[in-house]
Protein backbone atom coordinates (compact mmCIF):
# COMPACT_ATOMS: atom_id res chain seq x y z
CA MET A 1 99.62 100.94 111.85
CA ALA A 2 103.09 99.82 110.87
CA LEU A 3 103.65 98.88 107.29
CA LEU A 4 103.73 95.18 106.63
CA GLU A 5 107.13 93.60 106.85
CA THR A 6 106.90 90.73 104.45
CA THR A 7 108.14 87.39 105.76
CA HIS A 8 108.56 83.91 104.34
CA ARG A 9 105.34 83.05 106.17
CA ASP A 10 103.54 85.76 104.16
CA PHE A 11 104.89 84.35 100.88
CA ALA A 12 103.81 80.87 101.96
CA ASN A 13 100.32 82.20 102.73
CA VAL A 14 100.11 83.92 99.33
CA SER A 15 101.35 80.73 97.65
CA LYS A 16 98.47 78.85 99.34
CA ILE A 17 96.02 81.43 97.98
CA ILE A 18 97.45 80.98 94.49
CA GLY A 19 97.30 77.21 94.94
CA ARG A 20 93.58 77.37 95.75
CA HIS A 21 92.85 79.42 92.63
CA GLY A 22 95.38 78.11 90.13
CA LYS A 23 97.96 79.96 88.08
CA GLY A 24 95.83 80.96 85.12
CA GLN A 25 95.88 84.67 84.36
CA GLN A 26 92.08 84.70 84.67
CA GLU A 27 92.57 83.96 88.39
CA LEU A 28 94.62 87.11 89.02
CA VAL A 29 91.71 89.31 90.16
CA PRO A 30 90.31 86.76 92.65
CA ILE A 31 93.83 86.17 93.99
CA LEU A 32 94.42 89.90 94.43
CA GLN A 33 91.02 90.21 96.15
CA GLU A 34 91.88 87.48 98.62
CA VAL A 35 95.37 88.86 99.28
CA GLN A 36 93.95 92.32 99.89
CA ALA A 37 91.34 90.90 102.28
CA GLU A 38 94.21 89.31 104.19
CA TYR A 39 96.54 92.33 104.36
CA ARG A 40 94.09 95.25 103.80
CA TYR A 41 96.20 96.31 100.80
CA LEU A 42 98.53 94.87 98.15
CA PRO A 43 102.15 95.15 99.32
CA GLU A 44 104.70 95.59 96.52
CA GLU A 45 106.70 92.55 97.64
CA ILE A 46 103.56 90.41 97.52
CA LEU A 47 102.73 91.64 94.00
CA SER A 48 106.26 90.64 92.90
CA HIS A 49 105.80 87.23 94.51
CA ILE A 50 102.45 86.76 92.74
CA SER A 51 104.08 87.69 89.42
CA THR A 52 106.88 85.17 89.89
CA ALA A 53 104.66 82.40 91.28
CA MET A 54 102.08 82.75 88.50
CA GLY A 55 104.53 83.38 85.67
CA ILE A 56 102.80 86.65 84.80
CA PRO A 57 104.85 89.74 83.91
CA PRO A 58 105.14 92.19 86.85
CA ALA A 59 103.68 94.97 84.69
CA THR A 60 100.52 92.91 84.16
CA VAL A 61 100.06 92.22 87.89
CA TYR A 62 100.73 95.86 88.76
CA GLY A 63 98.47 97.03 85.93
CA VAL A 64 95.54 95.00 87.24
CA ALA A 65 96.23 96.12 90.83
CA THR A 66 96.17 99.79 89.81
CA PHE A 67 93.37 99.61 87.22
CA TYR A 68 90.58 98.50 89.55
CA ALA A 69 89.46 100.97 92.22
CA GLN A 70 88.82 98.12 94.66
CA PHE A 71 92.55 97.52 95.03
CA SER A 72 94.90 99.61 97.12
CA LEU A 73 98.70 99.73 97.14
CA GLU A 74 98.59 101.50 100.50
CA PRO A 75 97.33 100.06 103.79
CA LYS A 76 93.64 100.54 104.49
CA GLY A 77 92.17 100.91 107.94
CA LYS A 78 90.35 98.20 109.81
CA TYR A 79 87.16 100.15 109.06
CA VAL A 80 86.85 101.39 105.48
CA ILE A 81 84.28 104.17 105.42
CA ARG A 82 82.93 105.22 102.04
CA VAL A 83 80.80 108.33 101.84
CA CYS A 84 78.54 108.38 98.80
CA ASP A 85 78.74 111.63 96.85
CA GLY A 86 76.47 110.66 94.00
CA THR A 87 73.82 113.14 92.94
CA ALA A 88 71.11 112.04 95.40
CA CYS A 89 73.54 111.92 98.34
CA HIS A 90 75.28 115.13 97.35
CA VAL A 91 72.08 117.17 97.21
CA ARG A 92 71.17 115.72 100.61
CA HIS A 93 74.44 117.04 102.05
CA SER A 94 76.85 114.11 102.04
CA MET A 95 79.93 116.38 102.13
CA PRO A 96 79.28 117.70 105.67
CA ILE A 97 79.04 114.03 106.72
CA TYR A 98 82.38 113.32 105.02
CA GLU A 99 84.00 116.32 106.74
CA ALA A 100 82.59 115.28 110.15
CA ILE A 101 83.95 111.75 109.73
CA ARG A 102 87.38 113.05 108.67
CA LYS A 103 87.51 115.37 111.68
CA LYS A 104 86.34 112.65 114.09
CA THR A 105 88.99 110.21 112.80
CA GLY A 106 91.76 112.82 112.89
CA LEU A 107 92.34 113.01 109.13
CA ARG A 108 93.97 116.13 107.74
CA GLY A 109 95.02 117.17 104.25
CA LYS A 110 95.16 114.40 101.65
CA ARG A 111 95.56 111.62 104.20
CA ILE A 112 92.81 108.97 103.93
CA THR A 113 93.87 106.51 106.65
CA SER A 114 94.03 107.47 110.32
CA ALA A 115 97.37 107.36 112.11
CA ASP A 116 96.16 104.51 114.33
CA GLY A 117 95.26 102.42 111.27
CA LEU A 118 91.63 102.05 112.31
CA PHE A 119 89.87 104.16 109.69
CA THR A 120 90.15 104.79 105.98
CA VAL A 121 87.72 107.44 104.73
CA GLU A 122 86.92 107.79 101.02
CA THR A 123 84.23 109.23 98.81
CA VAL A 124 82.58 107.14 96.12
CA ALA A 125 80.53 108.21 93.10
CA CYS A 126 77.49 106.09 94.01
CA VAL A 127 76.63 103.11 96.19
CA GLY A 128 73.32 102.45 94.42
CA ALA A 129 71.07 103.31 97.35
CA CYS A 130 69.75 106.69 96.18
CA GLY A 131 66.41 106.28 97.93
CA LEU A 132 68.25 106.04 101.25
CA ALA A 133 70.43 109.12 100.69
CA PRO A 134 72.68 110.30 102.14
CA VAL A 135 74.47 106.98 102.58
CA ILE A 136 77.78 105.78 103.96
CA THR A 137 79.17 102.27 104.03
CA ILE A 138 81.52 100.87 106.62
CA ASN A 139 83.17 97.64 105.51
CA ASP A 140 80.29 97.14 103.06
CA GLU A 141 77.53 97.64 105.67
CA VAL A 142 75.15 100.38 104.53
CA TYR A 143 74.09 103.22 106.83
CA ALA A 144 71.15 105.19 105.42
CA GLN A 145 69.82 108.72 105.89
CA MET A 146 72.99 109.84 107.60
CA THR A 147 73.70 113.11 109.32
CA PRO A 148 77.07 114.38 110.55
CA GLU A 149 75.95 113.73 114.13
CA ALA A 150 74.81 110.17 113.38
CA ALA A 151 78.09 109.44 111.60
CA GLU A 152 80.05 110.75 114.60
CA MET A 153 78.03 108.47 116.90
CA ILE A 154 78.88 105.46 114.72
CA ILE A 155 82.58 106.39 114.77
CA ASP A 156 82.41 106.78 118.57
CA ALA A 157 80.88 103.30 118.84
CA LEU A 158 83.61 101.80 116.65
CA MET A 159 86.33 103.55 118.67
CA ASN A 160 84.73 102.31 121.89
CA ARG A 161 84.61 98.77 120.47
CA GLU A 162 88.38 98.95 119.88
CA VAL A 163 89.09 100.19 123.41
CA ASN A 164 86.63 97.81 125.10
CA PRO A 165 86.42 94.67 122.94
CA VAL A 166 83.73 92.17 123.81
CA GLU A 167 85.26 89.07 125.34
CA THR A 168 84.40 85.79 123.66
CA HIS A 169 84.94 82.34 125.10
């Protein structure tokens, strides 16, 4: 996935988002959430634009964007896969699932987003579904009692969906 090249259209879109929320500092988190939903991350140029448009110091905008784990300054994949590694999931072997997903999506080393931009794979401390362990989420959909093989099948299905999209009329 190519990095976003920010255009005037992007700034206009972000200005509309700000307009819907208002310029109060208390609106910064919801604005950042909506911008990230739009772009899959928070581009630096967009953060600067938000700072200027809202009259908030750049350090404040950047501080909020880096403080909360939900925000990313790097592009995320179309499918964000989070592997729970909380105690219940860990003792039920969540790490082999994580490794299988990384291998299936072609991730090596510290890289968390696949070269094709489809998948971002992360671990999380807990998703709050201990009774269903081990658990993964894909774009906030929960998959319970996972195995490495089941996770690979889900990834295969997502890859197939991208190659053979369902036509809609």
